[in-house]
């Protein structure tokens, strides 16, 4: 099995430390989501793995060796870092054919990956005419071209329509099921939750979490109870008297963090509080992520609403 291993990986740009002594392993047979705020060091980490930047200290290996030593790199790691890093006057067919020739990949693979990503009909069109979603598909095709055991994709969902996102989700999970190592950076929490098995979360260049999706959500995001009522005053009085700390949602709705229906429901029944809706809501990846990274955000607007999700826990 081919894994990505990082050991004390560090990268400085002048006085600024962008990647700070990262140590982790990205294992095969699962999709690992790579999360973190803007400026957390995700893209730099991927570049260091691929040898596009040199680390200040530490090391990154793929299958136990530096990626830069591979004689046929596309057959070891398929990467998508920038969908616009393609000559716009080439055709999709020409671009992939050139990549195949460089690494001695059979020509039939070009047609196979074009079909896999759904670009057969535009294979001979110039890339400058492509939408962002089409460029993303072409970038994914290039990453799959060498049939590599490792995939590294930076924000692959950008620009994809709903059909494309569903296709990507299915593709990523299918690649992991084949035993490949799939490492995906994303800012889309709901989408990441739909395909990732494991998470590595960065904040200010350091690892904040390295755990399964389920364990991450359970640890950082509390469940809550959703209540809809047309009698908010008695509702709040009863809940406060029972030791709960409700907070408002949309009009007519209240949320009770850290509670369950089987604990809140009997309290409301005994007090004869009229309830129109009472439902458990599990914690989400987005809630867990915001709770963990609240102090690790480097770029925030002057008027930030990041404090609001804390109550959602």
Protein backbone atom coordinates (compact mmCIF):
# COMPACT_ATOMS: atom_id res chain seq x y z
CA UNK A 1 0.00 0.00 0.00
CA UNK A 2 1.27 3.48 -0.91
CA UNK A 3 0.92 6.07 1.84
CA UNK A 4 1.86 9.72 2.19
CA UNK A 5 4.03 10.23 5.27
CA UNK A 6 4.97 13.60 6.72
CA UNK A 7 7.56 13.87 9.48
CA UNK A 8 8.23 17.18 11.22
CA UNK A 9 7.53 18.88 7.89
CA UNK A 10 8.24 22.62 8.10
CA UNK A 11 8.22 25.44 5.59
CA UNK A 12 9.25 29.05 6.20
CA UNK A 13 8.88 31.92 3.77
CA UNK A 14 11.26 34.48 5.23
CA UNK A 15 10.14 35.15 8.81
CA UNK A 16 6.72 33.56 8.29
CA UNK A 17 6.25 29.89 9.14
CA UNK A 18 3.56 28.48 6.87
CA UNK A 19 3.90 24.78 7.74
CA UNK A 20 4.92 24.03 11.31
CA UNK A 21 6.38 20.59 12.09
CA UNK A 22 3.57 18.52 10.61
CA UNK A 23 3.70 14.79 11.32
CA UNK A 24 0.98 12.48 10.00
CA UNK A 25 0.25 9.63 7.60
CA UNK A 26 -2.35 9.64 4.83
CA UNK A 27 -3.28 6.00 4.45
CA UNK A 28 -4.60 3.95 1.58
CA UNK A 29 -8.11 2.56 1.25
CA UNK A 30 -9.85 5.68 2.50
CA UNK A 31 -10.58 9.26 1.49
CA UNK A 32 -8.76 11.71 3.75
CA UNK A 33 -10.21 15.22 3.83
CA UNK A 34 -7.65 17.99 4.30
CA UNK A 35 -9.31 20.95 6.03
CA UNK A 36 -8.29 24.31 7.41
CA UNK A 37 -8.95 28.05 7.09
CA UNK A 38 -7.41 30.12 4.31
CA UNK A 39 -3.70 30.49 4.98
CA UNK A 40 -3.56 27.37 7.15
CA UNK A 41 -0.88 25.78 4.95
CA UNK A 42 -2.87 23.13 3.07
CA UNK A 43 -1.76 23.99 -0.47
CA UNK A 44 1.83 24.50 0.67
CA UNK A 45 1.80 21.07 2.30
CA UNK A 46 0.62 19.47 -0.93
CA UNK A 47 3.32 21.30 -2.89
CA UNK A 48 5.94 20.05 -0.45
CA UNK A 49 4.76 16.46 -0.91
CA UNK A 50 5.02 16.83 -4.68
CA UNK A 51 8.44 18.47 -4.56
CA UNK A 52 7.18 21.74 -6.01
CA UNK A 53 8.57 23.50 -2.93
CA UNK A 54 11.47 22.44 -0.75
CA UNK A 55 10.86 22.06 2.99
CA UNK A 56 12.81 24.18 5.43
CA UNK A 57 13.13 21.05 7.56
CA UNK A 58 11.53 17.65 7.95
CA UNK A 59 10.51 15.36 5.14
CA UNK A 60 7.59 14.18 3.03
CA UNK A 61 7.55 10.76 1.38
CA UNK A 62 5.19 8.82 -0.87
CA UNK A 63 5.48 5.09 -0.51
CA UNK A 64 8.52 5.57 1.72
CA UNK A 65 10.58 7.70 -0.66
CA UNK A 66 10.70 11.33 -1.82
CA UNK A 67 8.32 11.86 -4.72
CA UNK A 68 11.01 13.73 -6.68
CA UNK A 69 12.98 10.46 -7.04
CA UNK A 70 10.21 8.74 -9.03
CA UNK A 71 11.05 8.00 -12.67
CA UNK A 72 7.38 7.84 -13.68
CA UNK A 73 5.72 10.32 -11.32
CA UNK A 74 2.25 10.29 -12.92
CA UNK A 75 2.09 6.57 -12.26
CA UNK A 76 2.69 7.12 -8.54
CA UNK A 77 0.73 10.30 -7.70
CA UNK A 78 -2.06 11.95 -9.64
CA UNK A 79 -2.40 15.57 -8.58
CA UNK A 80 -4.77 18.46 -9.22
CA UNK A 81 -3.59 21.71 -7.68
CA UNK A 82 -4.66 24.39 -10.17
CA UNK A 83 -7.20 23.80 -12.98
CA UNK A 84 -5.88 26.90 -14.80
CA UNK A 85 -2.28 25.64 -15.00
CA UNK A 86 -2.92 24.35 -18.52
CA UNK A 87 -2.03 25.96 -21.85
CA UNK A 88 -5.37 27.46 -22.95
CA UNK A 89 -4.76 26.96 -26.68
CA UNK A 90 -4.38 23.22 -26.39
CA UNK A 91 -7.28 20.84 -26.74
CA UNK A 92 -8.22 18.48 -23.93
CA UNK A 93 -7.08 15.60 -26.11
CA UNK A 94 -3.77 17.31 -26.91
CA UNK A 95 -3.10 18.19 -23.28
CA UNK A 96 -3.65 14.66 -22.01
CA UNK A 97 -1.77 13.13 -24.95
CA UNK A 98 1.27 15.27 -24.15
CA UNK A 99 1.16 14.23 -20.49
CA UNK A 100 0.88 10.58 -21.50
CA UNK A 101 3.87 10.82 -23.86
CA UNK A 102 6.08 12.38 -21.19
CA UNK A 103 5.55 9.49 -18.78
CA UNK A 104 5.23 6.66 -21.34
CA UNK A 105 1.58 6.09 -20.51
CA UNK A 106 -0.34 4.08 -23.14
CA UNK A 107 -2.35 6.28 -25.54
CA UNK A 108 -5.53 4.34 -24.79
CA UNK A 109 -5.51 5.80 -21.27
CA UNK A 110 -6.22 9.25 -22.74
CA UNK A 111 -9.52 8.07 -24.21
CA UNK A 112 -10.34 6.12 -21.05
CA UNK A 113 -9.96 9.06 -18.67
CA UNK A 114 -11.77 11.45 -21.03
CA UNK A 115 -14.69 9.05 -20.89
CA UNK A 116 -14.35 8.63 -17.14
CA UNK A 117 -14.73 12.37 -16.51
CA UNK A 118 -17.36 12.92 -19.20
CA UNK A 119 -15.36 15.09 -21.62
CA UNK A 120 -15.41 12.90 -24.74
CA UNK A 121 -17.72 15.31 -26.58
CA UNK A 122 -15.34 18.25 -26.09
CA UNK A 123 -12.04 16.39 -26.39
CA UNK A 124 -11.00 18.38 -29.48
CA UNK A 125 -12.11 21.78 -28.21
CA UNK A 126 -9.60 24.34 -26.97
CA UNK A 127 -9.27 24.55 -23.21
CA UNK A 128 -9.73 28.34 -23.26
CA UNK A 129 -13.39 27.70 -24.13
CA UNK A 130 -13.90 25.49 -21.07
CA UNK A 131 -15.86 26.55 -17.99
CA UNK A 132 -14.29 26.14 -14.56
CA UNK A 133 -16.20 22.91 -14.06
CA UNK A 134 -14.90 21.50 -17.35
CA UNK A 135 -11.35 22.51 -16.40
CA UNK A 136 -11.78 20.72 -13.09
CA UNK A 137 -12.90 17.59 -14.89
CA UNK A 138 -9.89 17.84 -17.19
CA UNK A 139 -7.60 18.27 -14.20
CA UNK A 140 -9.08 15.18 -12.59
CA UNK A 141 -8.63 13.29 -15.87
CA UNK A 142 -4.95 14.28 -15.84
CA UNK A 143 -4.63 13.08 -12.24
CA UNK A 144 -6.13 9.71 -13.20
CA UNK A 145 -4.09 9.35 -16.39
CA UNK A 146 -1.24 7.27 -14.95
CA UNK A 147 -3.63 5.03 -12.97
CA UNK A 148 -1.72 6.03 -9.81
CA UNK A 149 -2.10 4.52 -6.34
CA UNK A 150 -2.18 8.02 -4.80
CA UNK A 151 -4.50 10.94 -5.65
CA UNK A 152 -3.96 14.47 -4.31
CA UNK A 153 -6.70 16.94 -5.21
CA UNK A 154 -6.90 20.58 -4.08
CA UNK A 155 -10.50 21.87 -4.06
CA UNK A 156 -11.70 19.52 -6.83
CA UNK A 157 -15.37 20.49 -6.34
CA UNK A 158 -14.83 24.12 -7.40
CA UNK A 159 -17.03 24.99 -10.37
CA UNK A 160 -18.76 21.62 -10.60
CA UNK A 161 -22.52 21.56 -11.03
CA UNK A 162 -24.65 19.33 -8.74
CA UNK A 163 -24.36 16.40 -11.15
CA UNK A 164 -20.59 16.87 -11.24
CA UNK A 165 -20.34 16.98 -7.46
CA UNK A 166 -22.27 13.72 -7.15
CA UNK A 167 -20.02 12.19 -9.80
CA UNK A 168 -16.90 13.38 -7.96
CA UNK A 169 -18.16 12.01 -4.66
CA UNK A 170 -18.80 8.60 -6.19
CA UNK A 171 -15.45 8.63 -7.98
CA UNK A 172 -13.45 9.47 -4.87
CA UNK A 173 -15.08 6.78 -2.78
CA UNK A 174 -14.65 4.28 -5.61
CA UNK A 175 -10.93 5.04 -5.89
CA UNK A 176 -10.48 4.56 -2.15
CA UNK A 177 -12.42 1.29 -2.30
CA UNK A 178 -9.85 0.06 -4.84
CA UNK A 179 -7.17 0.54 -2.16
CA UNK A 180 -5.80 3.88 -3.35
CA UNK A 181 -4.71 6.76 -1.13
CA UNK A 182 -7.04 9.71 -1.74
CA UNK A 183 -6.09 13.08 -0.20
CA UNK A 184 -8.58 15.90 -0.85
CA UNK A 185 -8.40 19.52 0.26
CA UNK A 186 -11.75 21.28 0.47
CA UNK A 187 -13.60 24.21 2.06
CA UNK A 188 -17.00 22.60 1.52
CA UNK A 189 -17.86 20.98 4.84
CA UNK A 190 -21.11 19.33 3.81
CA UNK A 191 -19.50 17.90 0.70
CA UNK A 192 -16.42 16.70 2.60
CA UNK A 193 -18.68 14.90 5.08
CA UNK A 194 -20.28 13.05 2.17
CA UNK A 195 -17.07 11.48 0.85
CA UNK A 196 -14.33 11.56 3.52
CA UNK A 197 -13.58 8.74 5.96
CA UNK A 198 -10.76 10.52 7.77
CA UNK A 199 -9.75 14.14 8.42
CA UNK A 200 -6.53 16.05 8.85
CA UNK A 201 -7.27 19.61 10.01
CA UNK A 202 -4.69 22.39 9.89
CA UNK A 203 -4.68 25.74 11.65
CA UNK A 204 -1.84 28.26 11.31
CA UNK A 205 0.39 25.57 9.85
CA UNK A 206 -0.13 23.04 12.63
CA UNK A 207 -2.23 19.90 12.85
CA UNK A 208 -5.32 20.51 14.96
CA UNK A 209 -6.93 17.11 14.38
CA UNK A 210 -6.06 13.79 12.74
CA UNK A 211 -9.04 11.52 13.21
CA UNK A 212 -12.04 9.83 11.62
CA UNK A 213 -14.97 12.00 10.54
CA UNK A 214 -17.29 10.42 13.08
CA UNK A 215 -14.89 10.88 15.99
CA UNK A 216 -14.21 14.47 14.94
CA UNK A 217 -17.90 15.40 14.91
CA UNK A 218 -18.60 13.58 18.19
CA UNK A 219 -15.72 15.38 19.91
CA UNK A 220 -16.23 18.93 18.67
CA UNK A 221 -19.94 19.25 17.84
CA UNK A 222 -22.66 18.56 20.38
CA UNK A 223 -26.07 17.25 19.38
CA UNK A 224 -29.03 19.53 19.97
CA UNK A 225 -32.81 19.51 20.13
CA UNK A 226 -34.91 21.64 17.79
CA UNK A 227 -38.18 22.97 19.21
CA UNK A 228 -40.88 24.89 17.36
CA UNK A 229 -43.57 26.54 19.46
CA UNK A 230 -46.05 29.43 19.45
CA UNK A 231 -45.55 29.91 23.21
CA UNK A 232 -41.92 30.96 23.60
CA UNK A 233 -42.20 32.53 27.06
CA UNK A 234 -43.37 29.41 28.96
CA UNK A 235 -40.98 27.30 26.86
CA UNK A 236 -37.96 29.35 27.90
CA UNK A 237 -39.06 29.51 31.53
CA UNK A 238 -39.49 25.75 31.78
CA UNK A 239 -36.25 24.94 29.98
CA UNK A 240 -34.23 27.37 32.09
CA UNK A 241 -35.76 25.93 35.25
CA UNK A 242 -34.67 22.45 34.15
CA UNK A 243 -31.09 23.62 33.61
CA UNK A 244 -31.14 23.90 29.83
CA UNK A 245 -29.71 26.86 27.88
CA UNK A 246 -31.83 27.35 24.74
CA UNK A 247 -31.02 29.85 22.02
CA UNK A 248 -33.16 31.16 19.15
CA UNK A 249 -33.05 29.97 15.57
CA UNK A 250 -35.38 31.02 12.79
CA UNK A 251 -38.70 32.62 13.85
CA UNK A 252 -40.65 30.32 16.15
CA UNK A 253 -37.74 27.91 16.63
CA UNK A 254 -35.42 27.33 19.56
CA UNK A 255 -32.42 25.04 19.96
CA UNK A 256 -31.24 23.27 23.10
CA UNK A 257 -27.52 22.38 22.80
CA UNK A 258 -26.17 19.15 24.26
CA UNK A 259 -29.65 17.72 24.80
CA UNK A 260 -31.80 14.90 23.46
CA UNK A 261 -35.52 14.65 22.81
CA UNK A 262 -35.88 11.96 25.48
CA UNK A 263 -34.61 14.41 28.12
CA UNK A 264 -36.26 17.61 26.90
CA UNK A 265 -39.60 16.08 25.86
CA UNK A 266 -40.75 14.85 29.29
CA UNK A 267 -39.93 18.25 30.83
CA UNK A 268 -42.17 20.04 28.33
CA UNK A 269 -44.96 17.46 28.67
CA UNK A 270 -45.06 17.77 32.45
CA UNK A 271 -45.27 21.57 32.16
CA UNK A 272 -47.92 21.35 29.41
CA UNK A 273 -45.90 23.60 27.09
CA UNK A 274 -47.44 23.58 23.58
CA UNK A 275 -44.94 22.19 21.08
CA UNK A 276 -45.38 22.15 17.31
CA UNK A 277 -42.12 20.34 16.56
CA UNK A 278 -39.56 18.47 18.67
CA UNK A 279 -36.61 16.79 16.97
CA UNK A 280 -33.08 15.63 17.62
CA UNK A 281 -30.35 17.14 15.42
CA UNK A 282 -26.93 15.51 15.29
CA UNK A 283 -23.78 17.61 15.26
CA UNK A 284 -22.40 18.41 11.82
CA UNK A 285 -18.93 18.54 10.36
CA UNK A 286 -19.35 22.28 9.80
CA UNK A 287 -20.17 22.90 13.46
CA UNK A 288 -17.22 20.79 14.59
CA UNK A 289 -14.86 22.49 12.17
CA UNK A 290 -15.90 25.99 13.22
CA UNK A 291 -15.59 25.11 16.89
CA UNK A 292 -12.07 23.72 16.43
CA UNK A 293 -10.69 26.40 14.11
CA UNK A 294 -12.26 29.48 15.72
CA UNK A 295 -8.88 30.58 17.09
CA UNK A 296 -6.89 29.53 14.02
CA UNK A 297 -8.46 31.83 11.42
CA UNK A 298 -5.89 34.22 9.96
CA UNK A 299 -8.13 36.20 7.60
CA UNK A 300 -11.43 37.43 9.10
CA UNK A 301 -13.68 40.37 8.17
CA UNK A 302 -13.94 43.29 10.56
CA UNK A 303 -17.49 42.26 11.44
CA UNK A 304 -17.31 38.51 11.83
CA UNK A 305 -20.18 36.14 12.55
CA UNK A 306 -17.92 33.25 13.50
CA UNK A 307 -19.03 33.48 17.11
CA UNK A 308 -22.59 32.52 16.15
CA UNK A 309 -21.85 28.86 15.28
CA UNK A 310 -20.35 28.35 18.73
CA UNK A 311 -23.87 28.46 20.17
CA UNK A 312 -25.04 26.05 17.50
CA UNK A 313 -23.02 23.39 19.23
